[in-house]
Every structure is written in structure tokens, then in C-alpha cells.
N, C-alpha and C. Protein backbone atom coordinates (compact mmCIF):
# COMPACT_ATOMS: atom_id res chain seq x y z
N UNK A 1 0.96 -1.27 0.12
CA UNK A 1 0.09 0.16 0.37
C UNK A 1 1.06 1.12 0.02
N UNK A 2 0.50 2.49 -0.87
CA UNK A 2 1.73 3.39 -0.83
C UNK A 2 0.75 4.38 0.03
N UNK A 3 1.72 5.77 0.09
CA UNK A 3 1.46 6.89 0.97
C UNK A 3 -0.29 7.11 0.17
N UNK A 4 -0.16 7.89 -0.85
CA UNK A 4 -1.77 8.28 -1.63
C UNK A 4 -2.82 7.22 -1.20
N UNK A 5 -2.66 5.73 -0.58
CA UNK A 5 -3.77 4.83 -0.58
C UNK A 5 -4.00 5.13 0.63
N UNK A 6 -2.52 5.35 1.63
CA UNK A 6 -2.96 5.53 3.03
C UNK A 6 -3.62 6.71 3.31
N UNK A 7 -3.32 7.48 3.04
CA UNK A 7 -3.83 9.23 2.81
C UNK A 7 -5.83 9.68 2.38
N UNK A 8 -5.62 8.58 1.33
CA UNK A 8 -7.30 8.12 0.44
C UNK A 8 -7.91 7.54 2.07
N UNK A 9 -7.69 6.36 2.37
CA UNK A 9 -8.27 5.53 3.20
C UNK A 9 -8.41 6.58 4.98
N UNK A 10 -7.44 7.23 4.67
CA UNK A 10 -7.57 8.75 6.55
C UNK A 10 -9.21 9.34 5.77
N UNK A 11 -8.62 9.78 4.77
CA UNK A 11 -9.87 10.96 3.92
C UNK A 11 -11.14 10.08 4.42
N UNK A 12 -11.23 9.08 3.97
CA UNK A 12 -12.60 8.29 4.07
C UNK A 12 -13.22 8.03 5.54
N UNK A 13 -12.24 7.42 6.11
CA UNK A 13 -12.44 7.32 7.44
C UNK A 13 -12.72 8.55 8.12
N UNK A 14 -12.17 9.98 7.95
CA UNK A 14 -12.63 11.16 8.11
C UNK A 14 -14.01 11.75 8.06
N UNK A 15 -14.54 11.20 6.45
CA UNK A 15 -15.79 11.49 6.19
C UNK A 15 -16.87 10.59 7.11
N UNK A 16 -16.61 9.36 6.85
CA UNK A 16 -17.32 8.56 7.21
C UNK A 16 -17.60 8.72 9.17
N UNK A 17 -16.48 8.94 9.75
CA UNK A 17 -16.86 9.58 11.50
C UNK A 17 -17.46 10.77 11.24
N UNK A 18 -17.15 11.84 10.28
CA UNK A 18 -17.93 13.07 10.71
C UNK A 18 -19.30 12.93 10.40
N UNK A 19 -19.66 12.12 9.20
CA UNK A 19 -21.45 11.93 8.82
C UNK A 19 -21.94 10.91 10.08
N UNK A 20 -20.99 9.93 10.57
CA UNK A 20 -21.78 9.44 11.68
C UNK A 20 -22.15 10.26 12.88
N UNK A 21 -21.19 11.15 13.41
CA UNK A 21 -21.17 12.32 14.68
C UNK A 21 -22.23 13.08 13.94
N UNK A 22 -22.56 13.66 13.05
CA UNK A 22 -23.59 14.12 12.31
C UNK A 22 -24.74 13.57 12.79
N UNK A 23 -24.99 12.33 12.01
CA UNK A 23 -26.27 11.53 12.65
C UNK A 23 -26.36 11.08 13.52
N UNK A 24 -25.09 11.13 14.64
CA UNK A 24 -25.67 10.41 16.07
C UNK A 24 -25.80 12.03 16.78
N UNK A 25 -25.79 13.04 16.30
CA UNK A 25 -26.12 14.29 17.18
C UNK A 25 -24.24 14.42 18.04
N UNK A 26 -23.47 14.04 17.38
CA UNK A 26 -22.18 14.20 18.56
C UNK A 26 -21.29 15.18 17.81
N UNK A 27 -21.71 15.74 16.37
CA UNK A 27 -20.60 16.49 15.77
C UNK A 27 -19.98 17.59 16.63
N UNK A 28 -20.83 18.42 17.91
CA UNK A 28 -19.91 19.69 18.43
C UNK A 28 -18.93 18.53 19.27
N UNK A 29 -18.97 17.61 19.95
CA UNK A 29 -17.96 16.57 20.68
C UNK A 29 -16.56 16.15 19.97
N UNK A 30 -17.09 16.04 19.10
CA UNK A 30 -15.90 15.87 18.26
C UNK A 30 -15.28 16.21 17.52
N UNK A 31 -13.56 16.41 17.08
CA UNK A 31 -12.70 17.10 16.33
C UNK A 31 -12.48 16.23 15.30
N UNK A 32 -11.63 16.28 14.53
CA UNK A 32 -10.80 16.19 13.29
C UNK A 32 -10.71 14.59 13.53
N UNK A 33 -9.37 14.62 14.57
CA UNK A 33 -8.90 13.21 14.92
C UNK A 33 -9.58 12.21 15.34
N UNK A 34 -11.05 12.79 16.66
CA UNK A 34 -11.75 11.58 16.91
C UNK A 34 -12.79 10.98 15.90
N UNK A 35 -12.93 12.02 14.69
CA UNK A 35 -13.70 11.47 13.66
C UNK A 35 -12.56 10.34 13.17
N UNK A 36 -11.96 10.72 12.57
CA UNK A 36 -10.74 9.80 11.35
C UNK A 36 -10.86 8.79 12.53
N UNK A 37 -10.39 8.67 13.56
CA UNK A 37 -10.50 7.00 14.52
C UNK A 37 -12.13 6.43 14.28
N UNK A 38 -12.87 7.18 14.86
CA UNK A 38 -14.40 6.48 15.20
C UNK A 38 -14.48 5.86 13.21
N UNK A 39 -14.19 6.60 12.40
CA UNK A 39 -14.62 6.08 11.13
C UNK A 39 -13.73 5.04 10.48
N UNK A 40 -12.37 4.94 10.85
CA UNK A 40 -11.22 3.65 10.31
C UNK A 40 -12.27 2.74 11.43
N UNK A 41 -12.16 2.61 12.81
CA UNK A 41 -12.48 1.47 13.68
C UNK A 41 -14.57 1.36 12.73
N UNK A 42 -14.91 2.08 12.95
CA UNK A 42 -15.86 2.11 11.96
C UNK A 42 -16.00 1.15 11.09
N UNK A 43 -15.21 1.36 9.95
CA UNK A 43 -15.15 0.80 8.66
C UNK A 43 -14.77 -0.40 9.03
N UNK A 44 -13.75 -1.27 10.24
CA UNK A 44 -13.49 -2.49 10.24
C UNK A 44 -14.63 -2.93 10.72
N UNK A 45 -15.36 -2.27 11.84
CA UNK A 45 -16.57 -3.20 12.11
C UNK A 45 -17.95 -3.13 11.31
N UNK A 46 -18.03 -2.18 10.01
CA UNK A 46 -18.99 -2.10 8.92
C UNK A 46 -18.57 -3.84 8.68
N UNK A 47 -17.06 -3.64 7.77
CA UNK A 47 -16.32 -4.87 7.15
C UNK A 47 -17.19 -5.91 7.40
N UNK A 48 -17.09 -6.03 9.05
CA UNK A 48 -17.13 -7.60 9.97
C UNK A 48 -18.81 -7.84 9.87
N UNK A 49 -19.24 -6.77 9.70
CA UNK A 49 -20.70 -6.96 9.71
C UNK A 49 -21.50 -6.81 8.79
N UNK A 50 -20.95 -7.03 7.49
CA UNK A 50 -21.24 -7.19 6.24
C UNK A 50 -21.36 -8.03 5.40
N UNK A 51 -19.54 -8.69 5.96
CA UNK A 51 -19.20 -10.19 6.07
C UNK A 51 -20.31 -11.29 6.70
N UNK A 52 -20.65 -10.89 7.57
CA UNK A 52 -20.93 -11.70 8.45
C UNK A 52 -22.53 -12.04 7.88
N UNK A 53 -23.19 -10.74 7.74
CA UNK A 53 -24.84 -10.72 7.07
C UNK A 53 -24.89 -11.09 6.01
N UNK A 54 -23.40 -11.53 4.75
CA UNK A 54 -23.54 -12.39 3.41
C UNK A 54 -23.20 -11.21 2.41
N UNK A 55 -23.20 -10.08 2.85
CA UNK A 55 -23.14 -9.11 1.78
C UNK A 55 -22.04 -8.62 1.23
N UNK A 56 -21.66 -8.55 -0.10
CA UNK A 56 -20.81 -8.26 -0.66
C UNK A 56 -19.36 -7.73 0.34
N UNK A 57 -18.20 -7.76 0.04
CA UNK A 57 -17.06 -7.53 0.84
C UNK A 57 -16.60 -6.05 0.70
N UNK A 58 -16.35 -4.66 1.23
CA UNK A 58 -16.35 -3.45 1.17
C UNK A 58 -14.83 -3.58 0.77
N UNK A 59 -14.48 -3.70 -0.36
CA UNK A 59 -12.71 -3.18 -1.04
C UNK A 59 -12.98 -2.04 -1.84
N UNK A 60 -11.82 -1.30 -1.78
CA UNK A 60 -11.72 -0.39 -2.70
C UNK A 60 -12.08 1.03 -2.42
N UNK A 61 -12.06 1.71 -2.68
CA UNK A 61 -12.45 3.12 -2.16
C UNK A 61 -13.36 3.55 -3.14
N UNK A 62 -14.50 3.81 -2.76
CA UNK A 62 -15.58 3.71 -3.15
C UNK A 62 -16.75 4.28 -2.21
N UNK A 63 -17.89 4.02 -3.00
CA UNK A 63 -19.35 4.69 -2.20
C UNK A 63 -20.09 4.21 -1.38
N UNK A 64 -19.52 2.29 -1.51
CA UNK A 64 -20.19 1.36 -1.13
C UNK A 64 -19.31 1.43 0.22
N UNK A 65 -17.90 1.24 0.31
CA UNK A 65 -16.77 1.43 1.51
C UNK A 65 -17.68 2.56 2.32
N UNK A 66 -17.32 3.40 1.57
CA UNK A 66 -17.87 4.65 2.99
C UNK A 66 -18.87 4.37 3.45
N UNK A 67 -20.29 3.99 2.87
CA UNK A 67 -21.57 3.54 3.50
C UNK A 67 -21.60 2.96 4.42
N UNK A 68 -20.58 1.47 3.96
CA UNK A 68 -20.08 0.74 5.38
C UNK A 68 -19.14 1.08 6.12
N UNK A 69 -18.45 2.17 6.24
CA UNK A 69 -18.14 2.70 7.18
C UNK A 69 -19.11 3.61 7.93
N UNK A 70 -19.69 4.29 6.71
CA UNK A 70 -20.43 5.50 8.42
C UNK A 70 -21.63 4.07 8.82
N UNK A 71 -21.98 2.82 8.51
CA UNK A 71 -23.11 2.30 9.43
C UNK A 71 -22.08 2.02 10.67
N UNK A 72 -20.97 0.90 10.42
CA UNK A 72 -20.04 1.06 11.50
C UNK A 72 -20.19 2.20 12.25
N UNK A 73 -19.67 3.18 12.15
CA UNK A 73 -19.26 4.46 12.84
C UNK A 73 -20.40 4.66 13.90
N UNK A 74 -21.64 4.91 13.36
CA UNK A 74 -22.77 5.08 13.85
C UNK A 74 -22.90 3.62 15.32
N UNK A 75 -22.81 2.39 14.14
CA UNK A 75 -22.92 1.24 15.58
C UNK A 75 -21.69 1.42 16.69
N UNK A 76 -20.65 1.93 16.34
CA UNK A 76 -19.68 2.48 17.36
C UNK A 76 -20.23 3.19 18.09
N UNK A 77 -20.42 4.79 17.49
CA UNK A 77 -20.52 6.02 18.44
C UNK A 77 -22.00 5.66 19.47
N UNK A 78 -22.75 4.30 18.89
CA UNK A 78 -23.96 3.90 19.77
C UNK A 78 -23.48 3.09 20.89
N UNK A 79 -22.82 2.25 20.36
CA UNK A 79 -22.11 1.76 21.59
C UNK A 79 -21.41 2.37 22.94
N UNK A 80 -20.69 2.59 22.28
CA UNK A 80 -19.82 3.95 23.22
C UNK A 80 -21.30 4.85 23.95
N UNK A 81 -22.32 5.78 23.31
CA UNK A 81 -23.08 6.07 24.18
C UNK A 81 -23.58 5.07 25.30
N UNK A 82 -23.73 3.76 24.57
CA UNK A 82 -24.46 3.29 26.13
C UNK A 82 -23.74 2.83 26.78
N UNK A 83 -22.07 2.45 26.68
CA UNK A 83 -21.55 2.23 27.89
C UNK A 83 -21.32 3.07 28.65
N UNK A 84 -21.35 4.60 27.75
CA UNK A 84 -21.27 6.14 29.04
C UNK A 84 -22.39 6.13 29.68
N UNK A 85 -23.67 5.40 29.11
CA UNK A 85 -24.76 5.46 30.03
C UNK A 85 -24.95 4.95 31.12
N UNK A 86 -24.39 3.88 30.81
CA UNK A 86 -24.06 2.47 32.08
C UNK A 86 -23.23 2.60 33.21
N UNK A 87 -22.40 4.09 32.95
CA UNK A 87 -21.08 3.51 33.81
C UNK A 87 -22.11 4.77 35.04
């Protein structure tokens, strides 16, 4: 994987995390680094989820990968919110 690919995946993670934070109404609480981390971790969660559900894997830098990353990031933010409320 070259540097440009890594940068593109960081951008995709940042966009996915940002959109998920808007959907979950946490945008004001999160900064750019948090959005990137949430988006990248969300992409992993989303990838595992679509694999378990039998959907096509999210490969490449495309719209489907962005949607999978957003859904995973929303799930991550929901789980974090549940843990915070329980504590």
C-alpha cells in the first residue's frame, strides 16, 4: 500500500466518522482526529458486519465502502453512548 492509498483511507475514515457524528448528534463533541478514528474503526466494524450478513465485502475506495464505514461508525458511536450511560 502506498502513501496516497493510506491518505485516501484516512480521508474516507474522516468523512465517515464526521457523517456518523452528525447522524448521532455528537458532531460538536468530536474533533477531526476523533472523526478519523471513529471512521476507521467503524469501517472495520462495518466490514465485519457486512461479511457476517453475507453482503459483498467492502473493497476499494468507493461509495459502498463509505456507506459500510458510516454504518460501522454509527454502530460504534451507539455502543460508546450505551457504555457511557451505563457507567
